[in-house]
Amino acid sequence: MTAITQPTERRIPLEGAFNVRDLGGYAATGGKTTQWGRIFRADGLHKLTAQDQLELLNRGIRTVVDLRHEHEVREFRNVFADSDVVSYHNISLINPAATTRRDIRCLGDMYMDMVDNAQPLLKQVMELLAEKEGGALFHCSAGKDRTGVVSGLLLGLAGVSRETIVADYELTGPNIVPIMGELRKGIPDIVPEEMAQELLGCAPSNMVMLLDHLEERYGGVEAYLRGIGLTVEQLGKLRSKLVGEVDAG
């Protein structure tokens, strides 16, 4: 029997995107490991070349969930928006770069605000990832904030350790250096420079704040996902995609 070789490169090198990553290969509960080639996270896909698109299709991606706002989607159109092969969905989560809230001190505050106040939207995202067949990719502009929250929820549901979830979040930093100028243009001029730099960063404390908040306010990731309306069946499907077959109950 021929052994199956698993990919060792988490980041997928592409010409038109810089933060496309496979969520496979992470140690999870019960001695399991998150599966390669099932769920991917990414930055903007509007500059993907034809070869880039073929690379993602060859990796089995058949669903794309675009977490960006309407103006982002309109200005930087997703290359899969009209695809005959990929099921494309736009679910507009909170835009961290355009917030006008005065009580936001850091990205961690935004992430907590997102899980508190964008629950119907996060439910839609999770339902799509649970129900659609084949590989799935979700993304925003940098693949850091909206994408980071969704990734944290998924990895938390799989039973990946807090340390690993935080480390996965931090991987964005070096990846988005080539698009930092483009991302900076997306932050309104009225935002002070100090806050702009915070919005462009990915300090590990931000993800720690989110994970602490999920634990302290909701009783953990699974309890949170149940609380926003995901069914036992949907949670089972998500786990199955993340770590393979799971024990009933």
Protein backbone atom coordinates (compact mmCIF):
# COMPACT_ATOMS: atom_id res chain seq x y z
CA MET A 1 0.00 0.00 0.00
CA THR A 2 1.43 3.37 -1.02
CA ALA A 3 1.87 5.87 1.79
CA ILE A 4 0.09 9.19 1.38
CA THR A 5 2.49 12.11 1.53
CA GLN A 6 1.05 15.06 3.41
CA PRO A 7 2.00 18.65 2.55
CA THR A 8 4.53 20.22 4.87
CA GLU A 9 4.21 23.79 3.59
CA ARG A 10 1.36 25.49 5.44
CA ARG A 11 1.51 28.67 3.41
CA ILE A 12 0.59 28.14 -0.24
CA PRO A 13 2.94 30.19 -2.43
CA LEU A 14 0.93 32.14 -5.00
CA GLU A 15 1.66 35.10 -7.22
CA GLY A 16 -1.48 37.10 -6.42
CA ALA A 17 -2.04 36.40 -2.71
CA PHE A 18 0.38 36.15 0.20
CA ASN A 19 -1.41 34.75 3.22
CA VAL A 20 -3.18 31.64 1.89
CA ARG A 21 -2.74 28.86 4.44
CA ASP A 22 -3.94 25.33 5.08
CA LEU A 23 -5.36 24.73 8.56
CA GLY A 24 -4.22 21.11 8.47
CA GLY A 25 -1.45 19.50 10.49
CA TYR A 26 -2.25 20.92 13.94
CA ALA A 27 -2.43 18.63 16.97
CA ALA A 28 -5.99 18.41 18.28
CA THR A 29 -7.81 16.63 21.11
CA GLY A 30 -7.92 12.87 21.35
CA GLY A 31 -4.59 12.42 19.61
CA LYS A 32 -6.06 13.69 16.34
CA THR A 33 -4.56 16.11 13.85
CA THR A 34 -6.39 18.68 11.77
CA GLN A 35 -6.73 17.47 8.20
CA TRP A 36 -4.75 18.88 5.31
CA GLY A 37 -6.63 20.08 2.27
CA ARG A 38 -10.03 20.62 3.90
CA ILE A 39 -10.18 24.18 5.24
CA PHE A 40 -8.02 27.14 4.19
CA ARG A 41 -7.66 30.74 5.35
CA ALA A 42 -6.52 33.59 3.11
CA ASP A 43 -6.07 37.26 2.36
CA GLY A 44 -7.68 38.94 -0.68
CA LEU A 45 -8.12 36.84 -3.80
CA HIS A 46 -8.72 39.66 -6.29
CA LYS A 47 -5.22 39.46 -7.82
CA LEU A 48 -4.99 35.70 -8.28
CA THR A 49 -3.55 34.67 -11.62
CA ALA A 50 -5.04 31.88 -13.71
CA GLN A 51 -2.26 29.61 -12.41
CA ASP A 52 -3.03 30.64 -8.82
CA GLN A 53 -6.68 29.75 -9.31
CA LEU A 54 -5.76 26.39 -10.80
CA GLU A 55 -3.48 25.70 -7.82
CA LEU A 56 -6.35 26.26 -5.39
CA LEU A 57 -8.77 24.20 -7.45
CA ASN A 58 -6.23 21.38 -7.61
CA ARG A 59 -6.12 21.45 -3.82
CA GLY A 60 -9.82 20.67 -3.77
CA ILE A 61 -11.24 24.09 -2.91
CA ARG A 62 -14.88 24.21 -4.01
CA THR A 63 -16.32 26.81 -1.62
CA VAL A 64 -15.08 30.36 -1.03
CA VAL A 65 -16.52 32.48 1.79
CA ASP A 66 -15.61 36.14 1.34
CA LEU A 67 -15.83 38.00 4.67
CA ARG A 68 -15.27 41.48 3.26
CA HIS A 69 -17.61 44.49 3.18
CA GLU A 70 -19.61 45.51 0.13
CA HIS A 71 -17.25 48.33 -0.83
CA GLU A 72 -14.23 46.01 -0.59
CA VAL A 73 -15.98 43.39 -2.70
CA ARG A 74 -16.97 45.98 -5.28
CA GLU A 75 -13.53 47.61 -5.53
CA PHE A 76 -11.49 44.40 -5.35
CA ARG A 77 -13.65 41.75 -7.00
CA ASN A 78 -13.03 38.14 -5.97
CA VAL A 79 -11.79 36.10 -8.93
CA PHE A 80 -14.14 33.26 -7.97
CA ALA A 81 -17.27 35.47 -7.74
CA ASP A 82 -18.66 34.19 -11.03
CA SER A 83 -17.01 30.78 -11.05
CA ASP A 84 -18.80 27.74 -12.47
CA VAL A 85 -16.62 25.47 -10.33
CA VAL A 86 -16.48 27.24 -6.98
CA SER A 87 -19.48 28.08 -4.79
CA TYR A 88 -18.87 31.74 -3.83
CA HIS A 89 -20.51 33.44 -0.85
CA ASN A 90 -20.07 36.95 0.55
CA ILE A 91 -20.85 37.38 4.25
CA SER A 92 -19.82 40.85 5.37
CA LEU A 93 -18.35 40.76 8.86
CA ILE A 94 -17.35 43.85 10.83
CA ASN A 95 -14.65 45.83 9.04
CA PRO A 96 -11.90 46.43 11.66
CA ALA A 97 -10.14 49.04 9.54
CA ALA A 98 -13.20 51.29 9.33
CA THR A 99 -14.52 51.21 12.87
CA THR A 100 -15.69 54.48 14.41
CA ARG A 101 -16.15 53.08 17.92
CA ARG A 102 -14.38 55.15 20.55
CA ASP A 103 -13.97 52.33 23.09
CA ILE A 104 -11.85 50.17 20.81
CA ARG A 105 -8.31 50.20 22.20
CA CYS A 106 -6.81 47.34 20.20
CA LEU A 107 -7.66 44.54 17.80
CA GLY A 108 -8.49 42.25 20.70
CA ASP A 109 -11.38 44.57 21.57
CA MET A 110 -12.59 44.35 17.98
CA TYR A 111 -12.44 40.59 18.00
CA MET A 112 -14.49 40.43 21.19
CA ASP A 113 -16.96 42.88 19.70
CA MET A 114 -17.21 40.70 16.61
CA VAL A 115 -18.11 37.51 18.47
CA ASP A 116 -20.58 39.45 20.65
CA ASN A 117 -22.32 41.48 17.95
CA ALA A 118 -21.91 39.64 14.64
CA GLN A 119 -23.30 36.31 15.80
CA PRO A 120 -25.88 35.80 13.02
CA LEU A 121 -23.15 36.41 10.43
CA LEU A 122 -20.66 34.09 12.12
CA LYS A 123 -23.40 31.45 12.27
CA GLN A 124 -23.85 31.77 8.49
CA VAL A 125 -20.11 31.37 7.94
CA MET A 126 -19.95 28.24 10.09
CA GLU A 127 -23.03 26.76 8.43
CA LEU A 128 -21.46 27.16 5.00
CA LEU A 129 -18.21 25.58 6.12
CA ALA A 130 -20.13 22.71 7.71
CA GLU A 131 -22.56 21.98 4.90
CA LYS A 132 -20.66 22.51 1.65
CA GLU A 133 -18.86 19.58 0.04
CA GLY A 134 -15.15 19.65 -0.80
CA GLY A 135 -12.46 21.97 0.42
CA ALA A 136 -13.44 25.41 1.70
CA LEU A 137 -11.55 28.69 1.89
CA PHE A 138 -12.56 31.80 3.84
CA HIS A 139 -10.82 35.14 3.57
CA CYS A 140 -10.91 38.89 4.11
CA SER A 141 -8.44 41.57 2.95
CA ALA A 142 -5.36 40.68 5.01
CA GLY A 143 -6.44 37.25 6.22
CA LYS A 144 -5.82 38.49 9.74
CA ASP A 145 -8.79 39.92 11.63
CA ARG A 146 -12.14 38.66 10.35
CA THR A 147 -10.34 35.60 9.04
CA GLY A 148 -8.43 35.29 12.31
CA VAL A 149 -11.61 35.21 14.38
CA VAL A 150 -13.13 32.49 12.20
CA SER A 151 -9.87 30.51 12.32
CA GLY A 152 -9.73 30.82 16.10
CA LEU A 153 -13.27 29.46 16.40
CA LEU A 154 -12.59 26.54 14.05
CA LEU A 155 -9.31 25.52 15.65
CA GLY A 156 -10.85 25.91 19.09
CA LEU A 157 -13.71 23.60 18.11
CA ALA A 158 -11.16 21.05 16.87
CA GLY A 159 -9.47 21.12 20.26
CA VAL A 160 -6.25 22.73 19.06
CA SER A 161 -4.30 24.24 21.97
CA ARG A 162 -4.48 27.93 22.77
CA GLU A 163 -0.75 28.28 22.15
CA THR A 164 -1.12 26.84 18.66
CA ILE A 165 -4.14 29.01 17.83
CA VAL A 166 -2.17 32.09 18.85
CA ALA A 167 0.86 30.93 16.85
CA ASP A 168 -1.33 30.39 13.77
CA TYR A 169 -2.65 33.94 14.18
CA GLU A 170 0.89 35.34 14.37
CA LEU A 171 1.91 33.68 11.09
CA THR A 172 0.09 36.45 9.24
CA GLY A 173 2.67 39.09 10.24
CA PRO A 174 5.52 38.22 7.87
CA ASN A 175 3.15 37.00 5.15
CA ILE A 176 1.41 40.34 4.58
CA VAL A 177 4.52 42.50 4.36
CA PRO A 178 4.22 42.66 0.53
CA ILE A 179 0.68 44.08 0.73
CA MET A 180 1.13 46.38 3.72
CA GLY A 181 0.99 49.49 1.55
CA GLU A 182 -2.30 48.41 0.00
CA LEU A 183 -3.75 47.57 3.41
CA ARG A 184 -2.67 50.94 4.83
CA LYS A 185 -4.64 52.72 2.09
CA GLY A 186 -7.77 50.98 3.32
CA ILE A 187 -7.63 52.66 6.73
CA PRO A 188 -9.50 56.00 6.84
CA ASP A 189 -7.34 59.11 7.16
CA ILE A 190 -9.19 60.14 10.33
CA VAL A 191 -7.72 57.14 12.16
CA PRO A 192 -4.67 58.25 14.20
CA GLU A 193 -1.37 56.80 13.04
CA GLU A 194 -0.83 54.91 16.29
CA MET A 195 -4.18 53.19 15.91
CA ALA A 196 -3.48 52.55 12.21
CA GLN A 197 -0.33 50.67 13.15
CA GLU A 198 -2.30 48.66 15.70
CA LEU A 199 -4.87 47.76 13.05
CA LEU A 200 -2.14 46.54 10.71
CA GLY A 201 -0.42 44.41 13.37
CA CYS A 202 -1.09 40.95 14.76
CA ALA A 203 0.20 41.01 18.32
CA PRO A 204 -0.46 37.64 19.98
CA SER A 205 -2.22 39.40 22.87
CA ASN A 206 -5.15 40.12 20.54
CA MET A 207 -5.92 36.45 20.03
CA VAL A 208 -5.33 35.73 23.70
CA MET A 209 -7.96 38.36 24.53
CA LEU A 210 -10.44 36.71 22.20
CA LEU A 211 -9.87 33.22 23.56
CA ASP A 212 -10.12 34.47 27.15
CA HIS A 213 -13.36 36.25 26.30
CA LEU A 214 -14.87 33.15 24.69
CA GLU A 215 -14.01 31.11 27.76
CA GLU A 216 -15.08 33.61 30.39
CA ARG A 217 -18.30 34.88 28.79
CA TYR A 218 -19.53 31.84 26.87
CA GLY A 219 -17.86 28.84 28.46
CA GLY A 220 -15.56 28.10 25.53
CA VAL A 221 -15.71 27.86 21.75
CA GLU A 222 -18.12 24.94 21.46
CA ALA A 223 -20.56 26.50 23.92
CA TYR A 224 -20.32 29.76 21.98
CA LEU A 225 -21.09 28.07 18.66
CA ARG A 226 -24.03 26.22 20.18
CA GLY A 227 -25.23 29.49 21.66
CA ILE A 228 -25.31 31.29 18.32
CA GLY A 229 -27.49 28.54 16.88
CA LEU A 230 -25.33 25.84 15.35
CA THR A 231 -26.91 22.42 15.73
CA VAL A 232 -25.25 19.30 17.11
CA GLU A 233 -25.26 17.91 13.57
CA GLN A 234 -23.57 20.99 12.14
CA LEU A 235 -20.93 20.98 14.86
CA GLY A 236 -20.30 17.31 14.09
CA LYS A 237 -19.87 18.08 10.40
CA LEU A 238 -17.43 20.88 11.19
CA ARG A 239 -15.39 18.62 13.45
CA SER A 240 -15.39 15.91 10.82
CA LYS A 241 -14.00 18.34 8.26
CA LEU A 242 -11.40 19.55 10.72
CA VAL A 243 -10.17 16.29 12.23
CA GLY A 244 -11.86 13.49 10.32
CA GLU A 245 -14.40 11.06 11.71
CA VAL A 246 -15.46 11.86 15.27
CA ASP A 247 -17.14 9.71 17.87
CA ALA A 248 -20.89 10.18 18.14
CA GLY A 249 -21.87 12.24 21.18
